[in-house]
């Protein structure tokens, strides 16, 4: 149940990013649902591989290169889907930062919601 709620809220967060920043466009809520699922899958399977492969660069930049990895995955999701459009790398960087911040809010809210039981 928690996963389903997180997925729905992540899609809303993606719509909020598109509303707040013009560099990211989402055509519909169903596109946002699909995009949230694809971003989640990319973060689950591709991100760990990229983090390991770029570990020396990440260490040298004191972890700041992880922002680049997040932006690349956000941009890759827009390349895989027709309902999500990101204008370029800078737009992907800003969009991924906003999406990550909203994701933190979602995690915090869900943690408080499910820990009260």
Foldseek 3Di string as FASTA:
>chain_A
DLVVVLLLLLLVLLVVLVVVDVQKAAQDSVSSSVLSVQLVVCCVPVLVVVCVVCVVVCVVVVNPCSLQVLLVSSCVSCVVDVRMGGNDSVSSSSSSVSSVVSSVVSVVVSCVVVVVD
